[in-house]
Amino acid sequence: MGTLMPRRGARVHDLLRLASPRLLQWEHEPEPWAQAALAATPWVVTRRAPMRTGRIAVGVRGTQRSQRLAAWVDAEQVQEWLRPGELRRRVAGLAPARSALGAFRALEQLERAWRQLGPRDWGPAGSVGFELASGWPSTAAASDLDIVVRCPRAPSRARARAWLEALPRDSQARIDVLLEWPAGGVALAEFASGSAYLLRRPQGALLRPAARRA
């Protein structure tokens, strides 16, 4: 069982199980696929958006990559809350046919690669995270592995480079890593390069300057 919603609220990339999908407040009129997806599994993903008092910005996933819809949900309508870092241990409970998929095998490879020098708080997002939270088979044979690393503040570029260099070279799926700290999120590869990077914020993306050289 996951964690009940804390007072501080959910963060982007968290997985939420809804008490009643009918109580979602949609940004736009929902398409039929969205209602079908929620009927199959009442899970949504928190998204990056400016806060509204008492409400959480969420996204609804369909079976196709293009099927994504934005909505809002009242915090009291959330029955279960899972963070990316809590999802890693759920891989052990997958059926053999699911754990054999490339993205799940890549997650196991990453566990080994980051065991010594990796970040402390990280876990899967995207289709892999959604499947591990909901049990819905959202991961395909060609799915990438999306990873979220949560940091209390921006890490040093040197530390980010160490995390990047430790990624498995023979990964069974493409691994995309996103760093998240209170100011926003940035791709690990972009941040580790030392060049200017795009910081994704609820208010919009912001270009941050390149690292100073000694």
N, C-alpha and C. Protein backbone atom coordinates (compact mmCIF):
# COMPACT_ATOMS: atom_id res chain seq x y z
N MET A 1 0.85 -1.18 0.00
CA MET A 1 0.00 0.00 0.00
C MET A 1 0.89 1.23 0.00
N GLY A 2 0.49 2.26 -0.74
CA GLY A 2 1.30 3.46 -0.82
C GLY A 2 1.06 4.39 0.36
N THR A 3 1.55 5.59 0.23
CA THR A 3 1.48 6.58 1.28
C THR A 3 0.24 7.44 1.09
N LEU A 4 -0.42 7.81 2.20
CA LEU A 4 -1.52 8.76 2.11
C LEU A 4 -0.96 10.13 1.77
N MET A 5 -1.79 10.96 1.16
CA MET A 5 -1.33 12.29 0.76
C MET A 5 -0.86 13.10 1.97
N PRO A 6 0.38 13.57 1.96
CA PRO A 6 0.86 14.41 3.05
C PRO A 6 0.37 15.84 2.87
N ARG A 7 0.48 16.63 3.91
CA ARG A 7 0.03 18.01 3.82
C ARG A 7 0.84 18.82 2.82
N ARG A 8 2.11 18.48 2.66
CA ARG A 8 2.93 19.27 1.75
C ARG A 8 2.56 18.98 0.29
N GLY A 9 1.79 17.94 0.04
CA GLY A 9 1.30 17.67 -1.31
C GLY A 9 2.25 16.86 -2.16
N ALA A 10 1.75 16.51 -3.31
CA ALA A 10 2.52 15.71 -4.26
C ALA A 10 3.48 16.58 -5.06
N ARG A 11 4.50 15.94 -5.62
CA ARG A 11 5.45 16.62 -6.48
C ARG A 11 5.34 16.06 -7.88
N VAL A 12 5.86 16.80 -8.85
CA VAL A 12 5.79 16.37 -10.23
C VAL A 12 6.39 14.97 -10.37
N HIS A 13 5.74 14.12 -11.17
CA HIS A 13 6.09 12.72 -11.44
C HIS A 13 5.57 11.73 -10.39
N ASP A 14 4.90 12.21 -9.35
CA ASP A 14 4.29 11.27 -8.41
C ASP A 14 3.09 10.61 -9.07
N LEU A 15 2.74 9.41 -8.59
CA LEU A 15 1.60 8.66 -9.10
C LEU A 15 0.50 8.68 -8.05
N LEU A 16 -0.71 9.03 -8.46
CA LEU A 16 -1.84 9.17 -7.55
C LEU A 16 -2.99 8.27 -7.97
N ARG A 17 -3.53 7.54 -7.00
CA ARG A 17 -4.74 6.74 -7.26
C ARG A 17 -5.94 7.52 -6.74
N LEU A 18 -6.93 7.70 -7.61
CA LEU A 18 -8.07 8.55 -7.30
C LEU A 18 -9.21 7.76 -6.66
N ALA A 19 -9.89 8.42 -5.75
CA ALA A 19 -11.08 7.82 -5.15
C ALA A 19 -12.19 7.70 -6.19
N SER A 20 -12.34 8.71 -7.03
CA SER A 20 -13.36 8.70 -8.07
C SER A 20 -12.90 9.55 -9.24
N PRO A 21 -12.56 8.92 -10.37
CA PRO A 21 -12.13 9.69 -11.54
C PRO A 21 -13.19 10.68 -12.03
N ARG A 22 -14.43 10.46 -11.68
CA ARG A 22 -15.50 11.36 -12.13
C ARG A 22 -15.34 12.77 -11.55
N LEU A 23 -14.56 12.89 -10.48
CA LEU A 23 -14.40 14.18 -9.83
C LEU A 23 -13.21 14.99 -10.36
N LEU A 24 -12.55 14.48 -11.40
CA LEU A 24 -11.47 15.25 -12.03
C LEU A 24 -12.03 16.53 -12.65
N GLN A 25 -11.25 17.58 -12.58
CA GLN A 25 -11.61 18.84 -13.23
C GLN A 25 -10.68 19.02 -14.43
N TRP A 26 -11.24 18.93 -15.63
CA TRP A 26 -10.46 18.88 -16.85
C TRP A 26 -10.07 20.28 -17.33
N GLU A 27 -8.88 20.37 -17.91
CA GLU A 27 -8.48 21.61 -18.56
C GLU A 27 -9.32 21.85 -19.81
N HIS A 28 -9.61 20.76 -20.55
CA HIS A 28 -10.43 20.82 -21.75
C HIS A 28 -11.39 19.63 -21.72
N GLU A 29 -12.37 19.67 -22.56
CA GLU A 29 -13.34 18.57 -22.63
C GLU A 29 -12.61 17.25 -22.88
N PRO A 30 -12.80 16.25 -22.01
CA PRO A 30 -12.06 14.99 -22.19
C PRO A 30 -12.53 14.20 -23.40
N GLU A 31 -11.59 13.53 -24.03
CA GLU A 31 -11.89 12.67 -25.15
C GLU A 31 -12.30 11.29 -24.63
N PRO A 32 -12.99 10.50 -25.45
CA PRO A 32 -13.46 9.18 -24.98
C PRO A 32 -12.36 8.28 -24.44
N TRP A 33 -11.17 8.35 -25.05
CA TRP A 33 -10.09 7.48 -24.58
C TRP A 33 -9.73 7.76 -23.12
N ALA A 34 -9.85 9.02 -22.70
CA ALA A 34 -9.48 9.38 -21.33
C ALA A 34 -10.41 8.72 -20.32
N GLN A 35 -11.70 8.73 -20.61
CA GLN A 35 -12.66 8.09 -19.72
C GLN A 35 -12.43 6.58 -19.67
N ALA A 36 -12.08 5.99 -20.81
CA ALA A 36 -11.81 4.56 -20.85
C ALA A 36 -10.55 4.22 -20.06
N ALA A 37 -9.53 5.06 -20.17
CA ALA A 37 -8.28 4.82 -19.45
C ALA A 37 -8.50 4.88 -17.94
N LEU A 38 -9.27 5.84 -17.49
CA LEU A 38 -9.53 5.98 -16.06
C LEU A 38 -10.43 4.86 -15.54
N ALA A 39 -11.33 4.37 -16.38
CA ALA A 39 -12.17 3.24 -15.98
C ALA A 39 -11.32 1.98 -15.82
N ALA A 40 -10.28 1.86 -16.65
CA ALA A 40 -9.41 0.68 -16.57
C ALA A 40 -8.50 0.75 -15.36
N THR A 41 -8.00 1.92 -15.06
CA THR A 41 -7.11 2.10 -13.89
C THR A 41 -7.17 3.55 -13.45
N PRO A 42 -7.60 3.84 -12.23
CA PRO A 42 -7.82 5.22 -11.78
C PRO A 42 -6.57 5.92 -11.29
N TRP A 43 -5.49 5.80 -12.05
CA TRP A 43 -4.22 6.42 -11.66
C TRP A 43 -3.90 7.60 -12.58
N VAL A 44 -3.34 8.64 -12.01
CA VAL A 44 -2.90 9.82 -12.76
C VAL A 44 -1.48 10.18 -12.32
N VAL A 45 -0.84 11.02 -13.10
CA VAL A 45 0.53 11.44 -12.84
C VAL A 45 0.54 12.94 -12.57
N THR A 46 1.20 13.36 -11.51
CA THR A 46 1.29 14.79 -11.25
C THR A 46 2.16 15.45 -12.31
N ARG A 47 1.75 16.64 -12.72
CA ARG A 47 2.44 17.34 -13.79
C ARG A 47 2.93 18.71 -13.29
N ARG A 48 3.77 19.32 -14.12
CA ARG A 48 4.36 20.59 -13.76
C ARG A 48 3.40 21.73 -14.16
N ALA A 49 2.89 22.43 -13.18
CA ALA A 49 1.96 23.53 -13.45
C ALA A 49 1.91 24.43 -12.23
N PRO A 50 1.56 25.71 -12.40
CA PRO A 50 1.41 26.60 -11.23
C PRO A 50 0.38 26.04 -10.26
N MET A 51 0.63 26.22 -8.97
CA MET A 51 -0.23 25.64 -7.95
C MET A 51 -1.59 26.33 -7.88
N ARG A 52 -2.60 25.54 -7.49
CA ARG A 52 -3.91 26.06 -7.15
C ARG A 52 -4.24 25.56 -5.75
N THR A 53 -4.76 26.40 -4.93
CA THR A 53 -5.02 26.04 -3.54
C THR A 53 -5.90 24.81 -3.44
N GLY A 54 -5.38 23.78 -2.76
CA GLY A 54 -6.16 22.57 -2.52
C GLY A 54 -6.27 21.64 -3.69
N ARG A 55 -5.68 21.98 -4.83
CA ARG A 55 -5.79 21.15 -6.02
C ARG A 55 -4.42 20.76 -6.55
N ILE A 56 -4.37 19.60 -7.16
CA ILE A 56 -3.12 19.05 -7.69
C ILE A 56 -3.23 18.96 -9.21
N ALA A 57 -2.23 19.45 -9.91
CA ALA A 57 -2.19 19.33 -11.37
C ALA A 57 -1.78 17.91 -11.75
N VAL A 58 -2.60 17.26 -12.57
CA VAL A 58 -2.32 15.88 -12.95
C VAL A 58 -2.48 15.69 -14.45
N GLY A 59 -1.93 14.60 -14.94
CA GLY A 59 -2.09 14.21 -16.33
C GLY A 59 -2.67 12.82 -16.41
N VAL A 60 -3.52 12.61 -17.39
CA VAL A 60 -4.14 11.30 -17.64
C VAL A 60 -3.46 10.69 -18.85
N ARG A 61 -3.06 9.43 -18.72
CA ARG A 61 -2.37 8.71 -19.80
C ARG A 61 -3.34 7.81 -20.53
N GLY A 62 -3.23 7.76 -21.86
CA GLY A 62 -3.95 6.79 -22.66
C GLY A 62 -3.02 5.68 -23.10
N THR A 63 -3.49 4.83 -23.98
CA THR A 63 -2.67 3.71 -24.44
C THR A 63 -1.67 4.13 -25.51
N GLN A 64 -1.90 5.28 -26.15
CA GLN A 64 -0.99 5.79 -27.16
C GLN A 64 -0.15 6.92 -26.60
N ARG A 65 1.04 7.09 -27.16
CA ARG A 65 1.95 8.13 -26.67
C ARG A 65 1.34 9.52 -26.81
N SER A 66 0.51 9.71 -27.83
CA SER A 66 -0.10 11.02 -28.07
C SER A 66 -1.29 11.29 -27.17
N GLN A 67 -1.73 10.29 -26.43
CA GLN A 67 -2.92 10.43 -25.61
C GLN A 67 -2.55 10.88 -24.20
N ARG A 68 -2.55 12.19 -24.01
CA ARG A 68 -2.26 12.79 -22.71
C ARG A 68 -3.22 13.96 -22.52
N LEU A 69 -3.84 14.05 -21.36
CA LEU A 69 -4.74 15.15 -21.07
C LEU A 69 -4.45 15.73 -19.70
N ALA A 70 -4.56 17.05 -19.59
CA ALA A 70 -4.31 17.75 -18.33
C ALA A 70 -5.60 17.90 -17.54
N ALA A 71 -5.48 17.78 -16.22
CA ALA A 71 -6.64 17.93 -15.35
C ALA A 71 -6.16 18.38 -13.98
N TRP A 72 -7.13 18.59 -13.08
CA TRP A 72 -6.86 18.95 -11.69
C TRP A 72 -7.69 18.05 -10.80
N VAL A 73 -7.17 17.76 -9.61
CA VAL A 73 -7.92 16.94 -8.66
C VAL A 73 -7.77 17.55 -7.27
N ASP A 74 -8.85 17.53 -6.50
CA ASP A 74 -8.78 17.98 -5.11
C ASP A 74 -7.95 16.99 -4.31
N ALA A 75 -7.10 17.49 -3.43
CA ALA A 75 -6.18 16.65 -2.67
C ALA A 75 -6.91 15.56 -1.87
N GLU A 76 -8.10 15.85 -1.37
CA GLU A 76 -8.81 14.85 -0.56
C GLU A 76 -9.36 13.70 -1.39
N GLN A 77 -9.31 13.81 -2.72
CA GLN A 77 -9.78 12.73 -3.58
C GLN A 77 -8.69 11.70 -3.90
N VAL A 78 -7.50 11.92 -3.36
CA VAL A 78 -6.39 11.00 -3.61
C VAL A 78 -6.37 9.92 -2.54
N GLN A 79 -6.44 8.65 -2.97
CA GLN A 79 -6.45 7.53 -2.02
C GLN A 79 -5.07 6.93 -1.80
N GLU A 80 -4.22 7.04 -2.79
CA GLU A 80 -2.87 6.47 -2.67
C GLU A 80 -1.90 7.36 -3.42
N TRP A 81 -0.70 7.46 -2.88
CA TRP A 81 0.32 8.36 -3.41
C TRP A 81 1.65 7.62 -3.42
N LEU A 82 2.28 7.54 -4.58
CA LEU A 82 3.55 6.84 -4.72
C LEU A 82 4.57 7.74 -5.38
N ARG A 83 5.76 7.79 -4.80
CA ARG A 83 6.86 8.55 -5.37
C ARG A 83 7.71 7.64 -6.26
N PRO A 84 8.42 8.21 -7.24
CA PRO A 84 9.27 7.37 -8.10
C PRO A 84 10.22 6.49 -7.32
N GLY A 85 10.82 7.01 -6.25
CA GLY A 85 11.76 6.22 -5.47
C GLY A 85 11.16 5.02 -4.79
N GLU A 86 9.83 5.04 -4.58
CA GLU A 86 9.15 3.90 -3.94
C GLU A 86 8.83 2.79 -4.94
N LEU A 87 8.94 3.08 -6.23
CA LEU A 87 8.49 2.13 -7.24
C LEU A 87 9.54 1.08 -7.59
N ARG A 88 10.80 1.37 -7.29
CA ARG A 88 11.88 0.46 -7.71
C ARG A 88 11.71 -0.93 -7.11
N ARG A 89 11.29 -1.01 -5.86
CA ARG A 89 11.18 -2.32 -5.22
C ARG A 89 10.02 -3.15 -5.78
N ARG A 90 9.14 -2.54 -6.56
CA ARG A 90 8.01 -3.27 -7.11
C ARG A 90 8.39 -4.12 -8.33
N VAL A 91 9.57 -3.93 -8.86
CA VAL A 91 10.01 -4.73 -10.00
C VAL A 91 10.01 -6.21 -9.65
N ALA A 92 10.34 -6.54 -8.42
CA ALA A 92 10.40 -7.94 -7.99
C ALA A 92 9.04 -8.63 -8.10
N GLY A 93 7.95 -7.86 -8.09
CA GLY A 93 6.62 -8.46 -8.15
C GLY A 93 6.07 -8.59 -9.55
N LEU A 94 6.83 -8.20 -10.57
CA LEU A 94 6.35 -8.31 -11.95
C LEU A 94 6.29 -9.75 -12.42
N ALA A 95 5.35 -10.03 -13.31
CA ALA A 95 5.31 -11.33 -13.97
C ALA A 95 6.53 -11.46 -14.87
N PRO A 96 7.05 -12.68 -15.06
CA PRO A 96 8.26 -12.86 -15.87
C PRO A 96 8.17 -12.23 -17.26
N ALA A 97 7.00 -12.31 -17.89
CA ALA A 97 6.86 -11.76 -19.24
C ALA A 97 7.01 -10.24 -19.24
N ARG A 98 6.63 -9.59 -18.13
CA ARG A 98 6.76 -8.13 -18.05
C ARG A 98 8.20 -7.75 -17.68
N SER A 99 8.78 -8.43 -16.71
CA SER A 99 10.14 -8.08 -16.28
C SER A 99 11.17 -8.33 -17.37
N ALA A 100 10.82 -9.15 -18.39
CA ALA A 100 11.74 -9.42 -19.48
C ALA A 100 11.80 -8.28 -20.50
N LEU A 101 10.88 -7.33 -20.42
CA LEU A 101 10.90 -6.20 -21.35
C LEU A 101 12.15 -5.36 -21.14
N GLY A 102 12.63 -4.76 -22.22
CA GLY A 102 13.89 -4.03 -22.18
C GLY A 102 13.94 -2.93 -21.14
N ALA A 103 12.86 -2.18 -20.97
CA ALA A 103 12.87 -1.07 -20.03
C ALA A 103 13.01 -1.55 -18.59
N PHE A 104 12.37 -2.67 -18.25
CA PHE A 104 12.50 -3.20 -16.89
C PHE A 104 13.88 -3.81 -16.68
N ARG A 105 14.43 -4.44 -17.70
CA ARG A 105 15.78 -4.96 -17.59
C ARG A 105 16.79 -3.81 -17.44
N ALA A 106 16.53 -2.70 -18.14
CA ALA A 106 17.40 -1.53 -18.00
C ALA A 106 17.34 -0.97 -16.59
N LEU A 107 16.15 -1.02 -15.98
CA LEU A 107 16.02 -0.54 -14.60
C LEU A 107 16.86 -1.39 -13.65
N GLU A 108 16.88 -2.69 -13.86
CA GLU A 108 17.72 -3.56 -13.02
C GLU A 108 19.20 -3.28 -13.26
N GLN A 109 19.56 -3.02 -14.52
CA GLN A 109 20.95 -2.66 -14.82
C GLN A 109 21.34 -1.36 -14.12
N LEU A 110 20.44 -0.40 -14.11
CA LEU A 110 20.72 0.87 -13.48
C LEU A 110 20.86 0.73 -11.96
N GLU A 111 20.07 -0.15 -11.37
CA GLU A 111 20.20 -0.42 -9.93
C GLU A 111 21.63 -0.84 -9.61
N ARG A 112 22.18 -1.71 -10.42
CA ARG A 112 23.55 -2.19 -10.18
C ARG A 112 24.57 -1.08 -10.45
N ALA A 113 24.35 -0.33 -11.52
CA ALA A 113 25.32 0.68 -11.92
C ALA A 113 25.40 1.83 -10.91
N TRP A 114 24.27 2.18 -10.31
CA TRP A 114 24.24 3.31 -9.38
C TRP A 114 24.34 2.89 -7.92
N ARG A 115 24.57 1.62 -7.66
CA ARG A 115 24.57 1.13 -6.27
C ARG A 115 25.61 1.85 -5.41
N GLN A 116 26.78 2.12 -5.96
CA GLN A 116 27.85 2.72 -5.17
C GLN A 116 27.91 4.24 -5.30
N LEU A 117 27.84 4.75 -6.53
CA LEU A 117 28.09 6.17 -6.77
C LEU A 117 26.87 6.92 -7.27
N GLY A 118 25.71 6.30 -7.26
CA GLY A 118 24.53 6.94 -7.80
C GLY A 118 23.85 7.88 -6.82
N PRO A 119 22.82 8.57 -7.28
CA PRO A 119 22.07 9.48 -6.40
C PRO A 119 21.31 8.71 -5.33
N ARG A 120 20.86 9.42 -4.32
CA ARG A 120 20.19 8.77 -3.19
C ARG A 120 18.69 8.57 -3.45
N ASP A 121 18.04 9.54 -4.05
CA ASP A 121 16.59 9.50 -4.22
C ASP A 121 16.25 9.50 -5.71
N TRP A 122 15.95 8.34 -6.26
CA TRP A 122 15.65 8.26 -7.68
C TRP A 122 14.68 7.11 -7.93
N GLY A 123 14.03 7.16 -9.09
CA GLY A 123 13.10 6.09 -9.44
C GLY A 123 12.53 6.30 -10.83
N PRO A 124 11.77 5.32 -11.31
CA PRO A 124 11.23 5.39 -12.67
C PRO A 124 10.01 6.28 -12.79
N ALA A 125 9.89 6.91 -13.95
CA ALA A 125 8.70 7.67 -14.31
C ALA A 125 8.20 7.10 -15.65
N GLY A 126 7.41 7.87 -16.38
CA GLY A 126 6.94 7.41 -17.69
C GLY A 126 6.15 6.13 -17.62
N SER A 127 6.22 5.35 -18.69
CA SER A 127 5.43 4.12 -18.77
C SER A 127 5.83 3.09 -17.72
N VAL A 128 7.13 3.01 -17.41
CA VAL A 128 7.60 2.05 -16.41
C VAL A 128 7.07 2.42 -15.03
N GLY A 129 7.19 3.68 -14.66
CA GLY A 129 6.67 4.11 -13.37
C GLY A 129 5.17 3.92 -13.26
N PHE A 130 4.45 4.22 -14.34
CA PHE A 130 3.01 4.07 -14.32
C PHE A 130 2.61 2.60 -14.14
N GLU A 131 3.29 1.70 -14.82
CA GLU A 131 2.97 0.28 -14.70
C GLU A 131 3.30 -0.25 -13.30
N LEU A 132 4.42 0.17 -12.75
CA LEU A 132 4.79 -0.31 -11.42
C LEU A 132 3.83 0.20 -10.35
N ALA A 133 3.28 1.38 -10.54
CA ALA A 133 2.32 1.92 -9.58
C ALA A 133 0.95 1.29 -9.74
N SER A 134 0.46 1.25 -10.97
CA SER A 134 -0.94 0.88 -11.22
C SER A 134 -1.17 -0.59 -11.52
N GLY A 135 -0.12 -1.27 -12.00
CA GLY A 135 -0.29 -2.65 -12.46
C GLY A 135 -0.80 -2.74 -13.88
N TRP A 136 -1.10 -1.61 -14.51
CA TRP A 136 -1.58 -1.59 -15.89
C TRP A 136 -0.39 -1.77 -16.84
N PRO A 137 -0.47 -2.68 -17.83
CA PRO A 137 0.68 -2.95 -18.72
C PRO A 137 0.92 -1.83 -19.73
N SER A 138 1.45 -0.73 -19.26
CA SER A 138 1.66 0.44 -20.11
C SER A 138 3.01 0.44 -20.81
N THR A 139 3.92 -0.44 -20.41
CA THR A 139 5.27 -0.49 -20.98
C THR A 139 5.29 -1.41 -22.20
N ALA A 140 5.87 -0.94 -23.30
CA ALA A 140 5.95 -1.72 -24.53
C ALA A 140 7.38 -2.21 -24.74
N ALA A 141 7.54 -3.08 -25.72
CA ALA A 141 8.87 -3.65 -26.00
C ALA A 141 9.88 -2.57 -26.36
N ALA A 142 9.42 -1.48 -27.00
CA ALA A 142 10.33 -0.43 -27.44
C ALA A 142 10.35 0.77 -26.50
N SER A 143 9.75 0.66 -25.33
CA SER A 143 9.68 1.79 -24.40
C SER A 143 11.05 2.19 -23.87
N ASP A 144 11.25 3.49 -23.72
CA ASP A 144 12.45 3.99 -23.04
C ASP A 144 12.25 3.84 -21.53
N LEU A 145 13.34 4.00 -20.80
CA LEU A 145 13.28 4.05 -19.35
C LEU A 145 13.49 5.50 -18.92
N ASP A 146 12.44 6.11 -18.38
CA ASP A 146 12.53 7.47 -17.87
C ASP A 146 12.80 7.44 -16.37
N ILE A 147 13.80 8.18 -15.94
CA ILE A 147 14.23 8.18 -14.54
C ILE A 147 14.16 9.60 -13.99
N VAL A 148 13.68 9.72 -12.77
CA VAL A 148 13.66 11.00 -12.06
C VAL A 148 14.61 10.91 -10.87
N VAL A 149 15.51 11.88 -10.77
CA VAL A 149 16.41 12.00 -9.63
C VAL A 149 16.00 13.24 -8.85
N ARG A 150 15.67 13.07 -7.58
CA ARG A 150 15.25 14.20 -6.76
C ARG A 150 16.40 14.64 -5.86
N CYS A 151 16.66 15.94 -5.88
CA CYS A 151 17.76 16.52 -5.11
C CYS A 151 17.22 17.66 -4.27
N PRO A 152 17.73 17.86 -3.06
CA PRO A 152 17.29 18.99 -2.24
C PRO A 152 17.70 20.33 -2.82
N ARG A 153 18.74 20.32 -3.66
CA ARG A 153 19.23 21.52 -4.35
C ARG A 153 19.96 21.06 -5.60
N ALA A 154 20.33 21.98 -6.45
CA ALA A 154 21.06 21.60 -7.66
C ALA A 154 22.38 20.93 -7.30
N PRO A 155 22.67 19.75 -7.85
CA PRO A 155 23.95 19.10 -7.56
C PRO A 155 25.08 19.83 -8.28
N SER A 156 26.29 19.52 -7.90
CA SER A 156 27.43 20.07 -8.63
C SER A 156 27.47 19.44 -10.01
N ARG A 157 28.07 20.15 -10.96
CA ARG A 157 28.19 19.59 -12.31
C ARG A 157 29.07 18.33 -12.27
N ALA A 158 30.08 18.32 -11.40
CA ALA A 158 30.95 17.15 -11.30
C ALA A 158 30.18 15.93 -10.82
N ARG A 159 29.31 16.12 -9.85
CA ARG A 159 28.52 14.99 -9.37
C ARG A 159 27.56 14.51 -10.45
N ALA A 160 26.95 15.43 -11.16
CA ALA A 160 26.05 15.06 -12.25
C ALA A 160 26.80 14.27 -13.33
N ARG A 161 28.03 14.69 -13.64
CA ARG A 161 28.83 13.96 -14.62
C ARG A 161 29.12 12.55 -14.14
N ALA A 162 29.39 12.38 -12.85
CA ALA A 162 29.66 11.05 -12.30
C ALA A 162 28.43 10.16 -12.44
N TRP A 163 27.25 10.70 -12.19
CA TRP A 163 26.02 9.91 -12.36
C TRP A 163 25.82 9.53 -13.82
N LEU A 164 26.08 10.48 -14.71
CA LEU A 164 25.91 10.22 -16.14
C LEU A 164 26.89 9.16 -16.62
N GLU A 165 28.14 9.27 -16.20
CA GLU A 165 29.16 8.32 -16.65
C GLU A 165 28.94 6.92 -16.09
N ALA A 166 28.20 6.83 -14.99
CA ALA A 166 27.93 5.51 -14.39
C ALA A 166 26.75 4.79 -15.04
N LEU A 167 26.03 5.45 -15.93
CA LEU A 167 24.92 4.78 -16.59
C LEU A 167 25.42 3.57 -17.37
N PRO A 168 24.67 2.46 -17.35
CA PRO A 168 25.12 1.25 -18.06
C PRO A 168 25.26 1.48 -19.56
N ARG A 169 26.39 1.12 -20.12
CA ARG A 169 26.65 1.32 -21.54
C ARG A 169 25.91 0.30 -22.41
N ASP A 170 25.61 -0.85 -21.84
CA ASP A 170 24.95 -1.91 -22.59
C ASP A 170 23.48 -2.02 -22.20
N SER A 171 22.87 -0.89 -21.90
CA SER A 171 21.49 -0.88 -21.42
C SER A 171 20.53 -1.53 -22.41
N GLN A 172 19.55 -2.24 -21.89
CA GLN A 172 18.56 -2.93 -22.71
C GLN A 172 17.50 -1.98 -23.25
N ALA A 173 17.52 -0.71 -22.85
CA ALA A 173 16.60 0.31 -23.36
C ALA A 173 17.27 1.66 -23.18
N ARG A 174 16.85 2.61 -23.95
CA ARG A 174 17.36 3.98 -23.80
C ARG A 174 16.97 4.50 -22.41
N ILE A 175 17.92 5.13 -21.71
CA ILE A 175 17.67 5.67 -20.37
C ILE A 175 17.74 7.19 -20.44
N ASP A 176 16.64 7.84 -20.09
CA ASP A 176 16.59 9.30 -20.03
C ASP A 176 16.43 9.70 -18.57
N VAL A 177 17.35 10.52 -18.09
CA VAL A 177 17.35 10.91 -16.67
C VAL A 177 17.03 12.39 -16.54
N LEU A 178 16.09 12.70 -15.66
CA LEU A 178 15.70 14.08 -15.37
C LEU A 178 16.04 14.38 -13.92
N LEU A 179 16.82 15.45 -13.69
CA LEU A 179 17.11 15.92 -12.34
C LEU A 179 16.00 16.86 -11.91
N GLU A 180 15.53 16.69 -10.67
CA GLU A 180 14.49 17.57 -10.13
C GLU A 180 14.96 18.13 -8.79
N TRP A 181 14.94 19.45 -8.66
CA TRP A 181 15.13 20.10 -7.36
C TRP A 181 14.07 21.18 -7.24
N PRO A 182 13.95 21.85 -6.10
CA PRO A 182 12.83 22.77 -5.90
C PRO A 182 12.62 23.81 -6.99
N ALA A 183 13.69 24.25 -7.64
CA ALA A 183 13.55 25.29 -8.68
C ALA A 183 12.97 24.76 -9.97
N GLY A 184 13.10 23.44 -10.23
CA GLY A 184 12.60 22.87 -11.48
C GLY A 184 13.33 21.61 -11.86
N GLY A 185 13.25 21.25 -13.13
CA GLY A 185 13.86 20.01 -13.61
C GLY A 185 14.71 20.26 -14.84
N VAL A 186 15.74 19.42 -15.02
CA VAL A 186 16.65 19.55 -16.16
C VAL A 186 17.17 18.17 -16.52
N ALA A 187 17.39 17.94 -17.81
CA ALA A 187 17.96 16.67 -18.27
C ALA A 187 19.37 16.50 -17.71
N LEU A 188 19.65 15.32 -17.19
CA LEU A 188 20.97 15.05 -16.61
C LEU A 188 22.09 15.30 -17.61
N ALA A 189 21.95 14.79 -18.83
CA ALA A 189 23.01 14.94 -19.83
C ALA A 189 23.28 16.40 -20.14
N GLU A 190 22.23 17.20 -20.19
CA GLU A 190 22.37 18.63 -20.49
C GLU A 190 23.06 19.35 -19.33
N PHE A 191 22.65 19.05 -18.11
CA PHE A 191 23.23 19.70 -16.95
C PHE A 191 24.68 19.30 -16.75
N ALA A 192 24.98 18.00 -16.94
CA ALA A 192 26.33 17.49 -16.71
C ALA A 192 27.34 18.03 -17.72
N SER A 193 26.86 18.48 -18.87
CA SER A 193 27.77 18.96 -19.92
C SER A 193 28.49 20.25 -19.52
N GLY A 194 27.95 20.98 -18.54
CA GLY A 194 28.56 22.24 -18.12
C GLY A 194 28.12 23.43 -18.95
N SER A 195 27.36 23.18 -20.00
CA SER A 195 26.88 24.27 -20.85
C SER A 195 25.59 24.85 -20.28
N ALA A 196 25.04 25.85 -20.94
CA ALA A 196 23.75 26.40 -20.53
C ALA A 196 22.69 25.30 -20.60
N TYR A 197 21.71 25.38 -19.71
CA TYR A 197 20.69 24.34 -19.69
C TYR A 197 19.31 24.95 -19.51
N LEU A 198 18.30 24.19 -19.93
CA LEU A 198 16.92 24.64 -19.85
C LEU A 198 16.29 24.07 -18.58
N LEU A 199 15.92 24.96 -17.67
CA LEU A 199 15.29 24.57 -16.42
C LEU A 199 13.78 24.60 -16.59
N ARG A 200 13.14 23.45 -16.41
CA ARG A 200 11.70 23.35 -16.58
C ARG A 200 11.02 23.73 -15.27
N ARG A 201 10.23 24.78 -15.31
CA ARG A 201 9.55 25.29 -14.11
C ARG A 201 8.05 25.32 -14.34
N PRO A 202 7.25 25.36 -13.27
CA PRO A 202 5.80 25.48 -13.45
C PRO A 202 5.40 26.73 -14.24
N GLN A 203 6.18 27.81 -14.10
CA GLN A 203 5.86 29.07 -14.79
C GLN A 203 6.35 29.09 -16.23
N GLY A 204 7.10 28.06 -16.63
CA GLY A 204 7.69 28.03 -17.97
C GLY A 204 9.18 27.76 -17.90
N ALA A 205 9.75 27.36 -19.03
CA ALA A 205 11.17 27.01 -19.08
C ALA A 205 12.03 28.27 -19.00
N LEU A 206 13.21 28.12 -18.39
CA LEU A 206 14.14 29.22 -18.20
C LEU A 206 15.54 28.74 -18.57
N LEU A 207 16.22 29.49 -19.44
CA LEU A 207 17.58 29.14 -19.82
C LEU A 207 18.55 29.63 -18.76
N ARG A 208 19.30 28.69 -18.20
CA ARG A 208 20.27 29.02 -17.15
C ARG A 208 21.67 29.05 -17.77
N PRO A 209 22.59 29.86 -17.23
CA PRO A 209 23.90 30.03 -17.85
C PRO A 209 24.80 28.81 -17.67
N ALA A 210 25.82 28.77 -18.50
CA ALA A 210 26.82 27.70 -18.43
C ALA A 210 27.59 27.80 -17.12
N ALA A 211 28.17 26.68 -16.70
CA ALA A 211 28.96 26.66 -15.47
C ALA A 211 30.22 27.49 -15.65
N ARG A 212 30.62 28.16 -14.57
CA ARG A 212 31.87 28.92 -14.61
C ARG A 212 33.06 27.97 -14.59
N ARG A 213 34.04 28.30 -15.37
CA ARG A 213 35.25 27.46 -15.39
C ARG A 213 36.30 28.08 -14.48
N ALA A 214 37.00 27.18 -13.78
CA ALA A 214 38.04 27.66 -12.88
C ALA A 214 39.21 28.27 -13.65
